[in-house]
Protein backbone atom coordinates (compact mmCIF):
# COMPACT_ATOMS: atom_id res chain seq x y z
CA MET A 1 -57.95 -7.16 -18.82
CA GLU A 2 -56.69 -5.55 -22.17
CA LEU A 3 -55.78 -1.98 -23.49
CA SER A 4 -54.69 -1.52 -27.05
CA GLY A 5 -53.15 -5.02 -27.68
CA LEU A 6 -51.98 -5.42 -23.84
CA GLN A 7 -53.19 -8.01 -21.51
CA LEU A 8 -53.08 -8.41 -17.76
CA GLN A 9 -54.06 -11.38 -15.70
CA ILE A 10 -53.85 -11.10 -11.67
CA THR A 11 -54.52 -13.96 -9.18
CA ILE A 12 -54.04 -13.28 -5.39
CA GLY A 13 -54.76 -16.56 -3.48
CA ASP A 14 -57.93 -18.14 -4.58
CA TYR A 15 -59.04 -14.73 -6.19
CA GLU A 16 -58.92 -13.86 -10.09
CA ILE A 17 -58.80 -10.19 -10.19
CA THR A 18 -61.12 -8.87 -12.94
CA ARG A 19 -61.12 -5.18 -12.18
CA CYS A 20 -57.88 -3.13 -10.99
CA PRO A 21 -57.69 0.30 -10.53
CA ARG A 22 -54.06 0.25 -10.32
CA TRP A 23 -50.92 -2.08 -10.21
CA TRP A 24 -47.09 -1.92 -10.46
CA ILE A 25 -44.17 -4.27 -10.43
CA GLU A 26 -40.84 -2.77 -9.32
CA SER A 27 -37.19 -3.98 -9.13
CA LEU A 28 -34.05 -2.11 -8.03
CA ARG A 29 -30.38 -2.99 -8.40
CA HIS A 30 -29.27 -2.28 -4.83
CA TYR A 31 -32.66 -3.66 -3.08
CA PRO A 32 -32.58 -7.41 -2.87
CA LEU A 33 -36.41 -8.07 -3.08
CA GLY A 34 -38.63 -7.40 -6.02
CA ARG A 35 -41.87 -5.91 -5.14
CA ALA A 36 -45.36 -5.32 -6.54
CA GLY A 37 -48.43 -3.62 -5.63
CA VAL A 38 -52.10 -3.92 -6.67
CA THR A 39 -55.16 -1.63 -5.99
CA LEU A 40 -58.57 -3.49 -5.61
CA PRO A 41 -62.02 -2.51 -5.40
CA ASP A 42 -63.44 -3.78 -1.83
CA PRO A 43 -66.25 -1.64 -0.86
CA GLY A 44 -67.56 -4.33 1.57
CA GLY A 45 -64.25 -5.48 3.08
CA GLU A 46 -64.61 -8.93 1.91
CA LEU A 47 -61.25 -9.08 0.29
CA TYR A 48 -59.28 -7.56 3.35
CA ASN A 49 -60.77 -10.24 5.62
CA ALA A 50 -60.38 -12.95 2.67
CA ILE A 51 -56.84 -12.48 1.54
CA ALA A 52 -54.27 -13.79 3.98
CA ALA A 53 -50.49 -12.69 4.43
CA ASP A 54 -48.24 -15.00 2.34
CA ALA A 55 -51.14 -15.69 -0.03
CA PRO A 56 -49.65 -16.31 -3.58
CA VAL A 57 -49.60 -13.69 -6.11
CA VAL A 58 -49.32 -14.01 -9.70
CA ILE A 59 -49.20 -11.20 -12.27
CA THR A 60 -48.80 -11.95 -15.99
CA PHE A 61 -48.51 -9.19 -18.36
CA GLY A 62 -47.55 -8.09 -21.73
CA TYR A 63 -48.63 -7.70 -25.29
CA ARG A 64 -50.99 -10.12 -26.95
CA ASP A 65 -48.57 -10.69 -29.91
CA LEU A 66 -45.49 -11.51 -27.58
CA PRO A 67 -44.90 -14.12 -24.90
CA PRO A 68 -46.35 -13.07 -21.45
CA VAL A 69 -44.11 -12.06 -18.68
CA GLU A 70 -45.06 -13.58 -15.21
CA TRP A 71 -44.18 -12.11 -11.87
CA SER A 72 -44.99 -14.18 -8.84
CA GLY A 73 -44.58 -13.69 -5.11
CA THR A 74 -46.58 -13.64 -1.92
CA VAL A 75 -48.53 -11.05 -0.04
CA ALA A 76 -46.40 -9.07 2.41
CA ARG A 77 -49.09 -6.54 3.54
CA ARG A 78 -52.68 -5.42 2.89
CA TYR A 79 -54.34 -2.22 4.19
CA PRO A 80 -57.21 0.40 3.30
CA GLY A 81 -56.45 2.25 0.12
CA GLU A 82 -56.68 5.84 -0.74
CA THR A 83 -60.42 5.69 -0.66
CA THR A 84 -62.86 3.84 1.80
CA ASP A 85 -63.77 1.24 -0.99
CA GLN A 86 -60.35 0.35 -2.12
CA LEU A 87 -57.67 -2.40 -0.57
CA GLU A 88 -54.03 -2.07 -1.09
CA ILE A 89 -51.93 -5.15 -1.54
CA ARG A 90 -48.19 -5.31 -1.35
CA ALA A 91 -46.17 -8.42 -2.45
CA ILE A 92 -42.61 -9.53 -2.47
CA ASP A 93 -41.27 -12.06 -5.17
CA GLN A 94 -39.36 -15.14 -4.84
CA SER A 95 -36.34 -13.50 -3.43
CA LYS A 96 -38.18 -13.17 -0.16
CA PRO A 97 -35.97 -16.04 1.70
CA LEU A 98 -33.07 -13.43 1.43
CA SER A 99 -34.83 -11.53 4.07
CA THR A 100 -36.43 -14.13 6.26
CA VAL A 101 -33.93 -17.09 6.40
CA LEU A 102 -31.36 -16.49 9.19
CA VAL A 103 -27.67 -17.44 9.22
CA LYS A 104 -25.64 -18.43 12.20
CA GLN A 105 -22.05 -19.49 11.05
CA ALA A 106 -18.46 -18.68 11.29
CA TRP A 107 -15.74 -18.90 8.77
CA GLU A 108 -11.98 -18.84 8.71
CA ASN A 109 -9.70 -18.59 5.67
CA GLU A 110 -12.48 -18.47 3.24
CA THR A 111 -13.26 -16.57 0.32
CA PRO A 112 -16.13 -14.02 0.17
CA GLU A 113 -17.53 -15.79 -2.86
CA ALA A 114 -17.80 -18.99 -1.10
CA ILE A 115 -19.24 -17.55 1.91
CA VAL A 116 -22.14 -15.71 -0.40
CA ALA A 117 -22.68 -19.07 -2.17
CA PHE A 118 -23.34 -20.94 1.01
CA ALA A 119 -25.62 -18.13 2.26
CA ILE A 120 -27.76 -18.22 -0.84
CA ARG A 121 -28.12 -22.11 -0.56
CA GLN A 122 -29.04 -21.69 2.98
CA ALA A 123 -31.99 -19.59 1.80
CA GLY A 124 -33.28 -22.39 -0.48
CA LEU A 125 -32.37 -20.35 -3.66
CA LYS A 126 -30.29 -21.41 -6.80
CA VAL A 127 -26.79 -19.78 -7.08
CA GLY A 128 -26.32 -17.87 -10.14
CA LYS A 129 -23.25 -15.91 -11.02
CA ILE A 130 -20.98 -14.88 -8.23
CA GLY A 131 -18.21 -12.20 -8.78
CA GLU A 132 -14.61 -13.02 -7.92
CA THR A 133 -12.92 -10.69 -5.42
CA GLY A 134 -9.57 -12.39 -5.47
CA MET A 135 -9.65 -12.24 -1.61
CA VAL A 136 -9.50 -14.33 1.39
CA LEU A 137 -11.26 -13.43 4.67
CA PRO A 138 -9.05 -14.58 7.82
CA ARG A 139 -12.27 -14.58 9.70
CA PHE A 140 -15.92 -13.95 9.25
CA SER A 141 -18.93 -14.68 11.29
CA ALA A 142 -22.58 -14.09 10.91
CA ALA A 143 -24.63 -13.85 14.26
CA ASN A 144 -28.08 -15.19 13.36
CA ILE A 145 -28.80 -12.55 10.58
CA PRO A 146 -30.83 -12.54 7.59
CA VAL A 147 -29.02 -13.69 4.27
CA TRP A 148 -29.06 -10.33 2.58
CA GLN A 149 -27.38 -8.71 5.61
CA LEU A 150 -24.85 -11.45 5.90
CA ILE A 151 -23.90 -10.50 2.20
CA GLN A 152 -23.95 -6.86 3.05
CA GLN A 153 -21.36 -7.62 5.92
CA VAL A 154 -19.10 -9.47 3.43
CA LYS A 155 -19.21 -6.55 1.01
CA LEU A 156 -18.33 -4.02 3.78
CA SER A 157 -15.41 -6.27 4.99
CA CYS A 158 -14.02 -6.44 1.29
CA SER A 159 -14.23 -2.77 1.12
CA GLU A 160 -12.90 -1.78 4.29
CA ALA A 161 -10.16 -4.69 4.79
CA PHE A 162 -8.85 -4.65 0.99
CA ALA A 163 -9.91 -1.40 -0.27
CA LEU A 164 -12.08 -3.01 -3.07
CA ASP A 165 -14.57 -0.55 -4.83
CA MET A 166 -17.84 -2.54 -4.02
CA SER A 167 -20.16 0.53 -5.08
CA GLN A 168 -21.41 -1.27 -8.17
CA TRP A 169 -21.71 -4.63 -6.55
CA ALA A 170 -25.19 -5.98 -5.97
CA LEU A 171 -27.38 -8.77 -4.89
CA TRP A 172 -30.47 -9.91 -6.73
CA LEU A 173 -32.53 -12.95 -8.00
CA GLY A 174 -32.30 -13.01 -11.70
CA ARG A 175 -32.98 -15.45 -14.62
CA ASP A 176 -30.47 -17.83 -13.76
CA GLY A 177 -30.55 -17.71 -9.73
CA VAL A 178 -29.29 -15.37 -7.23
CA ASN A 179 -26.25 -13.33 -8.37
CA TRP A 180 -23.80 -11.17 -6.53
CA GLY A 181 -21.30 -8.87 -8.29
CA ASP A 182 -20.65 -6.10 -10.75
CA PHE A 183 -22.31 -7.44 -13.97
CA ASP A 184 -25.49 -7.18 -15.78
CA GLU A 185 -28.52 -9.43 -16.06
CA PRO A 186 -28.43 -11.61 -19.19
CA GLY A 187 -30.56 -10.52 -22.01
CA ASP A 188 -30.56 -8.54 -25.13
CA VAL A 189 -29.96 -4.83 -24.86
CA VAL A 190 -33.26 -2.85 -24.95
CA THR A 191 -33.54 0.07 -27.20
CA ILE A 192 -35.46 3.17 -26.04
CA ALA A 193 -35.42 5.75 -28.87
CA THR A 194 -37.10 8.99 -29.92
CA PHE A 195 -39.84 8.55 -32.58
CA GLU A 196 -40.35 5.06 -31.37
CA ASN A 197 -40.89 4.36 -27.72
CA LEU A 198 -39.19 7.05 -25.95
CA ILE A 199 -42.07 9.17 -24.28
CA THR A 200 -39.98 11.51 -21.67
CA HIS A 201 -36.30 11.48 -20.67
CA THR A 202 -35.18 13.57 -17.67
CA PRO A 203 -31.50 13.95 -17.39
CA THR A 204 -29.35 13.40 -14.20
CA ASP A 205 -30.46 15.14 -11.01
CA TRP A 206 -27.34 16.17 -9.87
CA THR A 207 -27.98 15.53 -6.23
CA THR A 208 -28.27 11.90 -6.79
CA GLY A 209 -26.75 11.32 -10.36
CA ILE A 210 -29.94 9.31 -11.41
CA SER A 211 -31.79 9.86 -14.76
CA LEU A 212 -35.32 8.93 -15.74
CA ILE A 213 -36.72 7.49 -18.66
CA GLU A 214 -40.42 6.95 -19.53
CA THR A 215 -41.43 4.32 -21.98
CA PHE A 216 -44.26 2.34 -23.13
CA LEU A 217 -44.68 -1.08 -21.34
CA THR A 218 -41.45 -3.24 -21.85
CA ALA A 219 -42.67 -6.14 -19.92
CA ASP A 220 -39.49 -8.35 -19.59
CA LEU A 221 -37.25 -5.43 -18.45
CA SER A 222 -35.91 -5.56 -15.04
CA HIS A 223 -33.13 -3.75 -13.15
CA SER A 224 -29.31 -4.82 -14.06
CA ARG A 225 -30.36 -5.11 -17.93
CA LEU A 226 -28.71 -2.85 -20.27
CA ILE A 227 -30.65 -0.35 -22.19
CA HIS A 228 -29.61 1.68 -25.16
CA LEU A 229 -31.11 5.27 -24.87
CA GLN A 230 -31.30 7.23 -28.19
CA ASP A 231 -32.67 10.74 -27.39
CA GLU A 232 -32.55 12.70 -30.70
CA ARG A 233 -33.82 16.12 -28.81
CA ARG A 234 -30.92 16.08 -26.42
CA GLN A 235 -28.55 14.41 -28.89
CA VAL A 236 -27.94 11.42 -26.54
CA ALA A 237 -26.90 7.91 -27.55
CA ALA A 238 -25.54 5.71 -24.88
CA THR A 239 -25.92 2.33 -23.22
CA HIS A 240 -26.65 2.31 -19.53
CA ARG A 241 -27.27 -0.52 -16.98
CA ALA A 242 -30.83 -0.12 -15.52
CA LEU A 243 -30.84 0.55 -11.59
CA ARG A 244 -34.44 0.62 -11.17
CA VAL A 245 -37.39 -0.35 -13.29
CA ARG A 246 -40.96 0.21 -12.64
CA HIS A 247 -43.90 -1.16 -14.73
CA GLU A 248 -47.23 0.55 -13.61
CA GLY A 249 -50.68 0.38 -15.07
CA THR A 250 -54.28 1.94 -14.90
CA PRO A 251 -57.34 1.02 -16.89
CA ASP A 252 -56.36 3.75 -19.59
CA LYS A 253 -52.52 3.90 -19.28
CA ILE A 254 -49.40 1.45 -18.90
CA ARG A 255 -45.80 2.57 -18.73
CA THR A 256 -42.65 1.53 -17.94
CA PHE A 257 -40.24 3.77 -16.01
CA VAL A 258 -36.26 3.08 -16.04
CA TRP A 259 -33.77 4.86 -13.99
CA TYR A 260 -29.91 5.07 -14.76
CA GLY A 261 -27.13 6.60 -13.59
CA ARG A 262 -24.41 6.74 -10.69
CA GLU A 263 -24.37 3.53 -8.51
CA ASN A 264 -23.76 3.99 -4.71
CA GLY A 265 -24.16 0.45 -3.70
């Protein structure tokens, strides 16, 4: 499936998708699960009955002259689409164990970093970069709760017991494993500039502190990467951390949307 030098391949379970009215992939800095959606033509309902929950999903996309980007996960939900002949698939990426693996454990005089690393390993995921708090928790317990919730409770303990500003600390599965802290995902700074690849720029919404950029497909961009915005119309030139990234495609248009601004943790 190609559009002006773009390529897209989607596999769900045993099915290779050749027609796709719409697809999207989204990642958010303060939401630990990466998500994707695919709209499929299914006039007879065969796919609805054939595609099972937890079926593997692989979406490979990008420009023909660049290495493709692969997103992989499993089916989380399936339901009828906007029209009677369509099927909606929702999928979660490889970070799913953060929400499904439960931890029941107690600690004494342990650092938040050690507790978080333990929880990530319990989920069967690789530990990436863990930020240092410089603190020790006298007591901490997890009462059979998901890994992500345990880590949220660690974050709350650091904030309330030690008055640490945790608003920019996030948990996410990145290139090098599961990260936790106030830092960026590794990678080159992505430039989005007027007369090059900037389509629209909607500055800060005062109620949320979040701004929106629309650009052409930037397949390897995900949340927590750094972007450099050059908006000649508004005389803006600044580097920001991407808080939310959404790639979205239809048969005649593919875009990347990037949100940046105030983090609320």
